């Protein structure tokens, strides 16, 4: 289940948020941003993109939609089945050990 989720916003918002969050000067923030892969390139690699330049409610709707899509996918179901199978195997092994000890 290889999925890449990118959260993006417009460059001005990205700059102001970084400056506010980390107490950076404009130059420090720009240095951090330019040291990374450009957001538009990240979006090209992404399987899902969240636009974080709108309201938090709209961002949450996008995240919930992606979450619903991912958790209802066949790949996620296989992961859950594998996990339950492993747990059942561990439970059986524990029962066997308890019976062997008694």
PDB file of N, CA and C in Angstrom:
ATOM      1  N   UNK A   1       0.837  -1.163   0.000  1.00  0.00           N
ATOM      2  CA  UNK A   1       0.000   0.000   0.000  1.00  0.00           C
ATOM      3  C   UNK A   1       0.891   1.239   0.000  1.00  0.00           C
ATOM      4  N   UNK A   2       1.485   1.547  -1.111  1.00  0.00           N
ATOM      5  CA  UNK A   2       2.364   2.704  -1.224  1.00  0.00           C
ATOM      6  C   UNK A   2       1.564   3.924  -1.630  1.00  0.00           C
ATOM      7  N   UNK A   3       1.337   4.777  -0.694  1.00  0.00           N
ATOM      8  CA  UNK A   3       0.581   6.010  -0.925  1.00  0.00           C
ATOM      9  C   UNK A   3       1.410   7.187  -0.447  1.00  0.00           C
ATOM     10  N   UNK A   4       1.348   8.264  -1.189  1.00  0.00           N
ATOM     11  CA  UNK A   4       2.038   9.490  -0.802  1.00  0.00           C
ATOM     12  C   UNK A   4       0.992  10.591  -0.718  1.00  0.00           C
ATOM     13  N   UNK A   5       0.896  11.200   0.448  1.00  0.00           N
ATOM     14  CA  UNK A   5      -0.043  12.291   0.652  1.00  0.00           C
ATOM     15  C   UNK A   5       0.764  13.570   0.841  1.00  0.00           C
ATOM     16  N   UNK A   6       0.469  14.565   0.017  1.00  0.00           N
ATOM     17  CA  UNK A   6       1.137  15.864   0.111  1.00  0.00           C
ATOM     18  C   UNK A   6       0.105  16.888   0.550  1.00  0.00           C
ATOM     19  N   UNK A   7       0.478  17.677   1.539  1.00  0.00           N
ATOM     20  CA  UNK A   7      -0.353  18.788   1.988  1.00  0.00           C
ATOM     21  C   UNK A   7       0.334  20.056   1.505  1.00  0.00           C
ATOM     22  N   UNK A   8      -0.386  20.849   0.727  1.00  0.00           N
ATOM     23  CA  UNK A   8       0.230  22.048   0.182  1.00  0.00           C
ATOM     24  C   UNK A   8      -0.627  23.278   0.402  1.00  0.00           C
ATOM     25  N   UNK A   9       0.018  24.424   0.237  1.00  0.00           N
ATOM     26  CA  UNK A   9      -0.672  25.711   0.244  1.00  0.00           C
ATOM     27  C   UNK A   9       0.111  26.632  -0.689  1.00  0.00           C
ATOM     28  N   UNK A  10      -0.416  27.805  -0.925  1.00  0.00           N
ATOM     29  CA  UNK A  10       0.290  28.713  -1.829  1.00  0.00           C
ATOM     30  C   UNK A  10       1.603  29.162  -1.174  1.00  0.00           C
ATOM     31  N   UNK A  11       2.597  29.547  -1.975  1.00  0.00           N
ATOM     32  CA  UNK A  11       3.928  29.883  -1.436  1.00  0.00           C
ATOM     33  C   UNK A  11       3.919  30.991  -0.372  1.00  0.00           C
ATOM     34  N   UNK A  12       3.076  32.010  -0.536  1.00  0.00           N
ATOM     35  CA  UNK A  12       3.032  33.083   0.469  1.00  0.00           C
ATOM     36  C   UNK A  12       2.542  32.572   1.809  1.00  0.00           C
ATOM     37  N   UNK A  13       1.524  31.732   1.772  1.00  0.00           N
ATOM     38  CA  UNK A  13       0.995  31.142   3.010  1.00  0.00           C
ATOM     39  C   UNK A  13       2.034  30.228   3.647  1.00  0.00           C
ATOM     40  N   UNK A  14       2.704  29.434   2.827  1.00  0.00           N
ATOM     41  CA  UNK A  14       3.750  28.546   3.340  1.00  0.00           C
ATOM     42  C   UNK A  14       4.836  29.353   4.053  1.00  0.00           C
ATOM     43  N   UNK A  15       5.264  30.441   3.438  1.00  0.00           N
ATOM     44  CA  UNK A  15       6.310  31.280   4.017  1.00  0.00           C
ATOM     45  C   UNK A  15       5.854  31.904   5.335  1.00  0.00           C
ATOM     46  N   UNK A  16       4.670  32.497   5.338  1.00  0.00           N
ATOM     47  CA  UNK A  16       4.205  33.158   6.572  1.00  0.00           C
ATOM     48  C   UNK A  16       3.969  32.159   7.696  1.00  0.00           C
ATOM     49  N   UNK A  17       3.433  30.989   7.373  1.00  0.00           N
ATOM     50  CA  UNK A  17       3.213  29.977   8.414  1.00  0.00           C
ATOM     51  C   UNK A  17       4.531  29.486   9.005  1.00  0.00           C
ATOM     52  N   UNK A  18       5.518  29.261   8.159  1.00  0.00           N
ATOM     53  CA  UNK A  18       6.822  28.790   8.636  1.00  0.00           C
ATOM     54  C   UNK A  18       7.481  29.850   9.514  1.00  0.00           C
ATOM     55  N   UNK A  19       7.400  31.109   9.081  1.00  0.00           N
ATOM     56  CA  UNK A  19       7.988  32.186   9.884  1.00  0.00           C
ATOM     57  C   UNK A  19       7.307  32.276  11.253  1.00  0.00           C
ATOM     58  N   UNK A  20       5.986  32.169  11.259  1.00  0.00           N
ATOM     59  CA  UNK A  20       5.229  32.279  12.514  1.00  0.00           C
ATOM     60  C   UNK A  20       5.486  31.078  13.420  1.00  0.00           C
ATOM     61  N   UNK A  21       5.434  29.867  12.837  1.00  0.00           N
ATOM     62  CA  UNK A  21       5.566  28.648  13.641  1.00  0.00           C
ATOM     63  C   UNK A  21       6.947  28.516  14.269  1.00  0.00           C
ATOM     64  N   UNK A  22       7.997  28.813  13.485  1.00  0.00           N
ATOM     65  CA  UNK A  22       9.359  28.584  13.970  1.00  0.00           C
ATOM     66  C   UNK A  22      10.070  29.862  14.396  1.00  0.00           C
ATOM     67  N   UNK A  23       9.350  30.976  14.352  1.00  0.00           N
ATOM     68  CA  UNK A  23       9.939  32.273  14.692  1.00  0.00           C
ATOM     69  C   UNK A  23      11.172  32.562  13.826  1.00  0.00           C
ATOM     70  N   UNK A  24      11.043  32.285  12.521  1.00  0.00           N
ATOM     71  CA  UNK A  24      12.129  32.522  11.570  1.00  0.00           C
ATOM     72  C   UNK A  24      12.019  33.903  10.954  1.00  0.00           C
ATOM     73  N   UNK A  25      13.158  34.418  10.536  1.00  0.00           N
ATOM     74  CA  UNK A  25      13.139  35.599   9.686  1.00  0.00           C
ATOM     75  C   UNK A  25      12.713  35.144   8.292  1.00  0.00           C
ATOM     76  N   UNK A  26      12.417  36.103   7.437  1.00  0.00           N
ATOM     77  CA  UNK A  26      12.010  35.761   6.076  1.00  0.00           C
ATOM     78  C   UNK A  26      13.132  35.006   5.358  1.00  0.00           C
ATOM     79  N   UNK A  27      14.360  35.432   5.564  1.00  0.00           N
ATOM     80  CA  UNK A  27      15.504  34.788   4.915  1.00  0.00           C
ATOM     81  C   UNK A  27      15.684  33.346   5.407  1.00  0.00           C
ATOM     82  N   UNK A  28      15.544  33.133   6.710  1.00  0.00           N
ATOM     83  CA  UNK A  28      15.671  31.781   7.263  1.00  0.00           C
ATOM     84  C   UNK A  28      14.581  30.863   6.716  1.00  0.00           C
ATOM     85  N   UNK A  29      13.375  31.380   6.658  1.00  0.00           N
ATOM     86  CA  UNK A  29      12.253  30.579   6.164  1.00  0.00           C
ATOM     87  C   UNK A  29      12.445  30.243   4.679  1.00  0.00           C
ATOM     88  N   UNK A  30      12.843  31.230   3.891  1.00  0.00           N
ATOM     89  CA  UNK A  30      13.082  30.986   2.465  1.00  0.00           C
ATOM     90  C   UNK A  30      14.193  29.963   2.259  1.00  0.00           C
ATOM     91  N   UNK A  31      15.203  30.025   3.110  1.00  0.00           N
ATOM     92  CA  UNK A  31      16.307  29.057   3.025  1.00  0.00           C
ATOM     93  C   UNK A  31      15.797  27.641   3.267  1.00  0.00           C
ATOM     94  N   UNK A  32      14.939  27.458   4.247  1.00  0.00           N
ATOM     95  CA  UNK A  32      14.352  26.141   4.532  1.00  0.00           C
ATOM     96  C   UNK A  32      13.492  25.664   3.373  1.00  0.00           C
ATOM     97  N   UNK A  33      12.670  26.547   2.851  1.00  0.00           N
ATOM     98  CA  UNK A  33      11.753  26.179   1.776  1.00  0.00           C
ATOM     99  C   UNK A  33      12.519  25.795   0.519  1.00  0.00           C
ATOM    100  N   UNK A  34      13.527  26.585   0.161  1.00  0.00           N
ATOM    101  CA  UNK A  34      14.278  26.299  -1.072  1.00  0.00           C
ATOM    102  C   UNK A  34      15.185  25.078  -0.936  1.00  0.00           C
ATOM    103  N   UNK A  35      15.446  24.645   0.290  1.00  0.00           N
ATOM    104  CA  UNK A  35      16.269  23.440   0.494  1.00  0.00           C
ATOM    105  C   UNK A  35      15.467  22.162   0.229  1.00  0.00           C
ATOM    106  N   UNK A  36      14.155  22.302   0.131  1.00  0.00           N
ATOM    107  CA  UNK A  36      13.284  21.145  -0.083  1.00  0.00           C
ATOM    108  C   UNK A  36      12.887  21.041  -1.552  1.00  0.00           C
ATOM    109  N   UNK A  37      12.358  19.890  -1.894  1.00  0.00           N
ATOM    110  CA  UNK A  37      11.774  19.702  -3.208  1.00  0.00           C
ATOM    111  C   UNK A  37      10.591  20.664  -3.338  1.00  0.00           C
ATOM    112  N   UNK A  38      10.444  21.287  -4.488  1.00  0.00           N
ATOM    113  CA  UNK A  38       9.363  22.250  -4.691  1.00  0.00           C
ATOM    114  C   UNK A  38       8.008  21.573  -4.509  1.00  0.00           C
ATOM    115  N   UNK A  39       7.056  22.319  -3.962  1.00  0.00           N
ATOM    116  CA  UNK A  39       5.731  21.756  -3.686  1.00  0.00           C
ATOM    117  C   UNK A  39       5.056  21.213  -4.936  1.00  0.00           C
ATOM    118  N   UNK A  40       5.190  21.913  -6.056  1.00  0.00           N
ATOM    119  CA  UNK A  40       4.550  21.410  -7.275  1.00  0.00           C
ATOM    120  C   UNK A  40       5.159  20.084  -7.718  1.00  0.00           C
ATOM    121  N   UNK A  41       6.453  19.877  -7.459  1.00  0.00           N
ATOM    122  CA  UNK A  41       7.083  18.588  -7.766  1.00  0.00           C
ATOM    123  C   UNK A  41       6.613  17.513  -6.795  1.00  0.00           C
ATOM    124  N   UNK A  42       6.476  17.872  -5.533  1.00  0.00           N
ATOM    125  CA  UNK A  42       5.958  16.916  -4.549  1.00  0.00           C
ATOM    126  C   UNK A  42       4.551  16.459  -4.947  1.00  0.00           C
ATOM    127  N   UNK A  43       3.739  17.413  -5.401  1.00  0.00           N
ATOM    128  CA  UNK A  43       2.366  17.096  -5.800  1.00  0.00           C
ATOM    129  C   UNK A  43       2.334  16.138  -6.985  1.00  0.00           C
ATOM    130  N   UNK A  44       3.309  16.232  -7.871  1.00  0.00           N
ATOM    131  CA  UNK A  44       3.364  15.323  -9.019  1.00  0.00           C
ATOM    132  C   UNK A  44       3.611  13.892  -8.578  1.00  0.00           C
ATOM    133  N   UNK A  45       4.345  13.704  -7.487  1.00  0.00           N
ATOM    134  CA  UNK A  45       4.649  12.361  -6.973  1.00  0.00           C
ATOM    135  C   UNK A  45       3.515  11.800  -6.117  1.00  0.00           C
ATOM    136  N   UNK A  46       2.647  12.662  -5.655  1.00  0.00           N
ATOM    137  CA  UNK A  46       1.625  12.271  -4.675  1.00  0.00           C
ATOM    138  C   UNK A  46       0.504  11.451  -5.296  1.00  0.00           C
ATOM    139  N   UNK A  47      -0.012  10.526  -4.498  1.00  0.00           N
ATOM    140  CA  UNK A  47      -1.224   9.814  -4.884  1.00  0.00           C
ATOM    141  C   UNK A  47      -2.449  10.581  -4.392  1.00  0.00           C
ATOM    142  N   UNK A  48      -2.247  11.413  -3.357  1.00  0.00           N
ATOM    143  CA  UNK A  48      -3.315  12.251  -2.810  1.00  0.00           C
ATOM    144  C   UNK A  48      -2.722  13.611  -2.450  1.00  0.00           C
ATOM    145  N   UNK A  49      -3.478  14.660  -2.749  1.00  0.00           N
ATOM    146  CA  UNK A  49      -3.034  16.021  -2.451  1.00  0.00           C
ATOM    147  C   UNK A  49      -4.110  16.730  -1.646  1.00  0.00           C
ATOM    148  N   UNK A  50      -3.687  17.354  -0.549  1.00  0.00           N
ATOM    149  CA  UNK A  50      -4.596  18.116   0.301  1.00  0.00           C
ATOM    150  C   UNK A  50      -4.233  19.593   0.153  1.00  0.00           C
ATOM    151  N   UNK A  51      -5.218  20.401  -0.234  1.00  0.00           N
ATOM    152  CA  UNK A  51      -5.025  21.848  -0.346  1.00  0.00           C
ATOM    153  C   UNK A  51      -5.281  22.471   1.009  1.00  0.00           C
ATOM    154  N   UNK A  52      -4.215  22.939   1.651  1.00  0.00           N
ATOM    155  CA  UNK A  52      -4.287  23.470   3.004  1.00  0.00           C
ATOM    156  C   UNK A  52      -4.334  24.997   3.024  1.00  0.00           C
ATOM    157  N   UNK A  53      -4.657  25.612   1.889  1.00  0.00           N
ATOM    158  CA  UNK A  53      -4.693  27.074   1.864  1.00  0.00           C
ATOM    159  C   UNK A  53      -6.103  27.605   2.114  1.00  0.00           C
ATOM    160  N   UNK A  54      -7.043  26.704   2.277  1.00  0.00           N
ATOM    161  CA  UNK A  54      -8.426  27.118   2.552  1.00  0.00           C
ATOM    162  C   UNK A  54      -8.701  27.026   4.052  1.00  0.00           C
ATOM    163  N   UNK A  55      -9.955  26.982   4.415  1.00  0.00           N
ATOM    164  CA  UNK A  55     -10.313  26.917   5.837  1.00  0.00           C
ATOM    165  C   UNK A  55      -9.940  25.553   6.414  1.00  0.00           C
ATOM    166  N   UNK A  56      -9.838  25.508   7.735  1.00  0.00           N
ATOM    167  CA  UNK A  56      -9.504  24.232   8.377  1.00  0.00           C
ATOM    168  C   UNK A  56     -10.624  23.217   8.178  1.00  0.00           C
ATOM    169  N   UNK A  57     -11.863  23.682   8.081  1.00  0.00           N
ATOM    170  CA  UNK A  57     -12.989  22.763   7.840  1.00  0.00           C
ATOM    171  C   UNK A  57     -12.874  22.122   6.458  1.00  0.00           C
ATOM    172  N   UNK A  58     -12.496  22.910   5.465  1.00  0.00           N
ATOM    173  CA  UNK A  58     -12.332  22.365   4.114  1.00  0.00           C
ATOM    174  C   UNK A  58     -11.145  21.402   4.044  1.00  0.00           C
ATOM    175  N   UNK A  59     -10.089  21.733   4.757  1.00  0.00           N
ATOM    176  CA  UNK A  59      -8.937  20.829   4.814  1.00  0.00           C
ATOM    177  C   UNK A  59      -9.335  19.516   5.461  1.00  0.00           C
ATOM    178  N   UNK A  60     -10.100  19.591   6.555  1.00  0.00           N
ATOM    179  CA  UNK A  60     -10.549  18.392   7.248  1.00  0.00           C
ATOM    180  C   UNK A  60     -11.430  17.531   6.351  1.00  0.00           C
ATOM    181  N   UNK A  61     -12.278  18.149   5.548  1.00  0.00           N
ATOM    182  CA  UNK A  61     -13.116  17.384   4.616  1.00  0.00           C
ATOM    183  C   UNK A  61     -12.256  16.608   3.625  1.00  0.00           C
ATOM    184  N   UNK A  62     -11.206  17.238   3.124  1.00  0.00           N
ATOM    185  CA  UNK A  62     -10.316  16.565   2.187  1.00  0.00           C
ATOM    186  C   UNK A  62      -9.615  15.381   2.855  1.00  0.00           C
ATOM    187  N   UNK A  63      -9.144  15.602   4.077  1.00  0.00           N
ATOM    188  CA  UNK A  63      -8.449  14.541   4.821  1.00  0.00           C
ATOM    189  C   UNK A  63      -9.399  13.384   5.105  1.00  0.00           C
ATOM    190  N   UNK A  64     -10.614  13.686   5.512  1.00  0.00           N
ATOM    191  CA  UNK A  64     -11.594  12.631   5.792  1.00  0.00           C
ATOM    192  C   UNK A  64     -11.919  11.834   4.533  1.00  0.00           C
ATOM    193  N   UNK A  65     -12.015  12.501   3.408  1.00  0.00           N
ATOM    194  CA  UNK A  65     -12.289  11.820   2.142  1.00  0.00           C
ATOM    195  C   UNK A  65     -11.146  10.861   1.788  1.00  0.00           C
ATOM    196  N   UNK A  66      -9.921  11.321   1.948  1.00  0.00           N
ATOM    197  CA  UNK A  66      -8.760  10.466   1.664  1.00  0.00           C
ATOM    198  C   UNK A  66      -8.717   9.299   2.641  1.00  0.00           C
ATOM    199  N   UNK A  67      -8.958   9.575   3.922  1.00  0.00           N
ATOM    200  CA  UNK A  67      -8.960   8.519   4.937  1.00  0.00           C
ATOM    201  C   UNK A  67      -9.996   7.453   4.599  1.00  0.00           C
ATOM    202  N   UNK A  68     -11.193   7.893   4.239  1.00  0.00           N
ATOM    203  CA  UNK A  68     -12.263   6.947   3.898  1.00  0.00           C
ATOM    204  C   UNK A  68     -11.859   6.107   2.693  1.00  0.00           C
ATOM    205  N   UNK A  69     -11.288   6.758   1.696  1.00  0.00           N
ATOM    206  CA  UNK A  69     -10.855   6.041   0.494  1.00  0.00           C
ATOM    207  C   UNK A  69      -9.777   5.001   0.824  1.00  0.00           C
ATOM    208  N   UNK A  70      -8.812   5.392   1.637  1.00  0.00           N
ATOM    209  CA  UNK A  70      -7.715   4.479   1.963  1.00  0.00           C
ATOM    210  C   UNK A  70      -8.161   3.327   2.850  1.00  0.00           C
ATOM    211  N   UNK A  71      -9.013   3.617   3.824  1.00  0.00           N
ATOM    212  CA  UNK A  71      -9.430   2.548   4.742  1.00  0.00           C
ATOM    213  C   UNK A  71     -10.459   1.619   4.128  1.00  0.00           C
ATOM    214  N   UNK A  72     -11.079   2.019   3.035  1.00  0.00           N
ATOM    215  CA  UNK A  72     -12.030   1.126   2.379  1.00  0.00           C
ATOM    216  C   UNK A  72     -11.408   0.396   1.191  1.00  0.00           C
ATOM    217  N   UNK A  73     -10.136   0.624   0.955  1.00  0.00           N
ATOM    218  CA  UNK A  73      -9.481   0.003  -0.199  1.00  0.00           C
ATOM    219  C   UNK A  73      -9.180  -1.474   0.070  1.00  0.00           C
ATOM    220  N   UNK A  74      -9.017  -2.219  -1.000  1.00  0.00           N
ATOM    221  CA  UNK A  74      -8.685  -3.640  -0.923  1.00  0.00           C
ATOM    222  C   UNK A  74      -7.353  -3.853  -0.214  1.00  0.00           C
ATOM    223  N   UNK A  75      -6.377  -2.995  -0.485  1.00  0.00           N
ATOM    224  CA  UNK A  75      -5.060  -3.138   0.138  1.00  0.00           C
ATOM    225  C   UNK A  75      -5.167  -3.003   1.658  1.00  0.00           C
ATOM    226  N   UNK A  76      -5.963  -2.058   2.136  1.00  0.00           N
ATOM    227  CA  UNK A  76      -6.119  -1.879   3.572  1.00  0.00           C
ATOM    228  C   UNK A  76      -6.814  -3.082   4.187  1.00  0.00           C
ATOM    229  N   UNK A  77      -7.792  -3.638   3.482  1.00  0.00           N
ATOM    230  CA  UNK A  77      -8.484  -4.830   3.971  1.00  0.00           C
ATOM    231  C   UNK A  77      -7.499  -5.983   4.121  1.00  0.00           C
ATOM    232  N   UNK A  78      -6.611  -6.143   3.159  1.00  0.00           N
ATOM    233  CA  UNK A  78      -5.609  -7.217   3.248  1.00  0.00           C
ATOM    234  C   UNK A  78      -4.701  -7.012   4.453  1.00  0.00           C
ATOM    235  N   UNK A  79      -4.339  -5.776   4.742  1.00  0.00           N
ATOM    236  CA  UNK A  79      -3.495  -5.491   5.912  1.00  0.00           C
ATOM    237  C   UNK A  79      -4.234  -5.865   7.189  1.00  0.00           C
ATOM    238  N   UNK A  80      -5.519  -5.505   7.267  1.00  0.00           N
ATOM    239  CA  UNK A  80      -6.296  -5.851   8.464  1.00  0.00           C
ATOM    240  C   UNK A  80      -6.438  -7.355   8.618  1.00  0.00           C
ATOM    241  N   UNK A  81      -6.685  -8.060   7.517  1.00  0.00           N
ATOM    242  CA  UNK A  81      -6.813  -9.523   7.574  1.00  0.00           C
ATOM    243  C   UNK A  81      -5.502 -10.140   8.030  1.00  0.00           C
ATOM    244  N   UNK A  82      -4.397  -9.659   7.497  1.00  0.00           N
ATOM    245  CA  UNK A  82      -3.083 -10.187   7.899  1.00  0.00           C
ATOM    246  C   UNK A  82      -2.841  -9.938   9.390  1.00  0.00           C
ATOM    247  N   UNK A  83      -3.193  -8.751   9.873  1.00  0.00           N
ATOM    248  CA  UNK A  83      -3.001  -8.422  11.276  1.00  0.00           C
ATOM    249  C   UNK A  83      -3.829  -9.332  12.173  1.00  0.00           C
ATOM    250  N   UNK A  84      -5.090  -9.540  11.821  1.00  0.00           N
ATOM    251  CA  UNK A  84      -5.964 -10.418  12.612  1.00  0.00           C
ATOM    252  C   UNK A  84      -5.437 -11.849  12.579  1.00  0.00           C
ATOM    253  N   UNK A  85      -4.943 -12.287  11.434  1.00  0.00           N
ATOM    254  CA  UNK A  85      -4.381 -13.638  11.318  1.00  0.00           C
ATOM    255  C   UNK A  85      -3.169 -13.799  12.230  1.00  0.00           C
ATOM    256  N   UNK A  86      -2.325 -12.799  12.256  1.00  0.00           N
ATOM    257  CA  UNK A  86      -1.146 -12.844  13.132  1.00  0.00           C
ATOM    258  C   UNK A  86      -1.581 -12.892  14.594  1.00  0.00           C
ATOM    259  N   UNK A  87      -2.551 -12.053  14.966  1.00  0.00           N
ATOM    260  CA  UNK A  87      -3.046 -12.060  16.350  1.00  0.00           C
ATOM    261  C   UNK A  87      -3.645 -13.414  16.718  1.00  0.00           C
ATOM    262  N   UNK A  88      -4.393 -14.001  15.783  1.00  0.00           N
ATOM    263  CA  UNK A  88      -4.983 -15.317  16.048  1.00  0.00           C
ATOM    264  C   UNK A  88      -3.883 -16.360  16.231  1.00  0.00           C
ATOM    265  N   UNK A  89      -2.839 -16.281  15.432  1.00  0.00           N
ATOM    266  CA  UNK A  89      -1.715 -17.210  15.573  1.00  0.00           C
ATOM    267  C   UNK A  89      -1.030 -17.064  16.921  1.00  0.00           C
ATOM    268  N   UNK A  90      -0.866 -15.828  17.362  1.00  0.00           N
ATOM    269  CA  UNK A  90      -0.246 -15.584  18.671  1.00  0.00           C
ATOM    270  C   UNK A  90      -1.143 -16.138  19.781  1.00  0.00           C
ATOM    271  N   UNK A  91      -2.445 -15.916  19.659  1.00  0.00           N
ATOM    272  CA  UNK A  91      -3.381 -16.425  20.666  1.00  0.00           C
ATOM    273  C   UNK A  91      -3.341 -17.949  20.729  1.00  0.00           C
ATOM    274  N   UNK A  92      -3.301 -18.597  19.569  1.00  0.00           N
ATOM    275  CA  UNK A  92      -3.221 -20.058  19.543  1.00  0.00           C
ATOM    276  C   UNK A  92      -1.921 -20.549  20.158  1.00  0.00           C
ATOM    277  N   UNK A  93      -0.830 -19.854  19.869  1.00  0.00           N
ATOM    278  CA  UNK A  93       0.457 -20.246  20.444  1.00  0.00           C
ATOM    279  C   UNK A  93       0.436 -20.105  21.955  1.00  0.00           C
ATOM    280  N   UNK A  94      -0.185 -19.042  22.453  1.00  0.00           N
ATOM    281  CA  UNK A  94      -0.288 -18.849  23.905  1.00  0.00           C
ATOM    282  C   UNK A  94      -1.119 -19.959  24.539  1.00  0.00           C
ATOM    283  N   UNK A  95      -2.225 -20.321  23.891  1.00  0.00           N
ATOM    284  CA  UNK A  95      -3.061 -21.415  24.410  1.00  0.00           C
ATOM    285  C   UNK A  95      -2.276 -22.721  24.440  1.00  0.00           C
ATOM    286  N   UNK A  96      -1.507 -22.968  23.402  1.00  0.00           N
ATOM    287  CA  UNK A  96      -0.717 -24.195  23.337  1.00  0.00           C
ATOM    288  C   UNK A  96       0.313 -24.228  24.458  1.00  0.00           C
ATOM    289  N   UNK A  97       0.971 -23.075  24.710  1.00  0.00           N
ATOM    290  CA  UNK A  97       1.972 -23.009  25.770  1.00  0.00           C
ATOM    291  C   UNK A  97       1.311 -23.223  27.138  1.00  0.00           C
ATOM    292  N   UNK A  98       0.149 -22.629  27.346  1.00  0.00           N
ATOM    293  CA  UNK A  98      -0.542 -22.781  28.639  1.00  0.00           C
ATOM    294  C   UNK A  98      -0.934 -24.249  28.840  1.00  0.00           C
ATOM    295  N   UNK A  99      -1.444 -24.899  27.804  1.00  0.00           N
ATOM    296  CA  UNK A  99      -1.807 -26.311  27.917  1.00  0.00           C
ATOM    297  C   UNK A  99      -0.554 -27.160  28.181  1.00  0.00           C
ATOM    298  N   UNK A 100       0.528 -26.840  27.545  1.00  0.00           N
ATOM    299  CA  UNK A 100       1.760 -27.610  27.696  1.00  0.00           C
ATOM    300  C   UNK A 100       2.301 -27.466  29.115  1.00  0.00           C
ATOM    301  N   UNK A 101       2.176 -26.251  29.693  1.00  0.00           N
ATOM    302  CA  UNK A 101       2.675 -25.987  31.059  1.00  0.00           C
ATOM    303  C   UNK A 101       1.816 -26.735  32.073  1.00  0.00           C
ATOM    304  N   UNK A 102       0.492 -26.749  31.887  1.00  0.00           N
ATOM    305  CA  UNK A 102      -0.396 -27.373  32.844  1.00  0.00           C
ATOM    306  C   UNK A 102      -0.266 -28.840  32.710  1.00  0.00           C
TER     307      UNK A 102
END
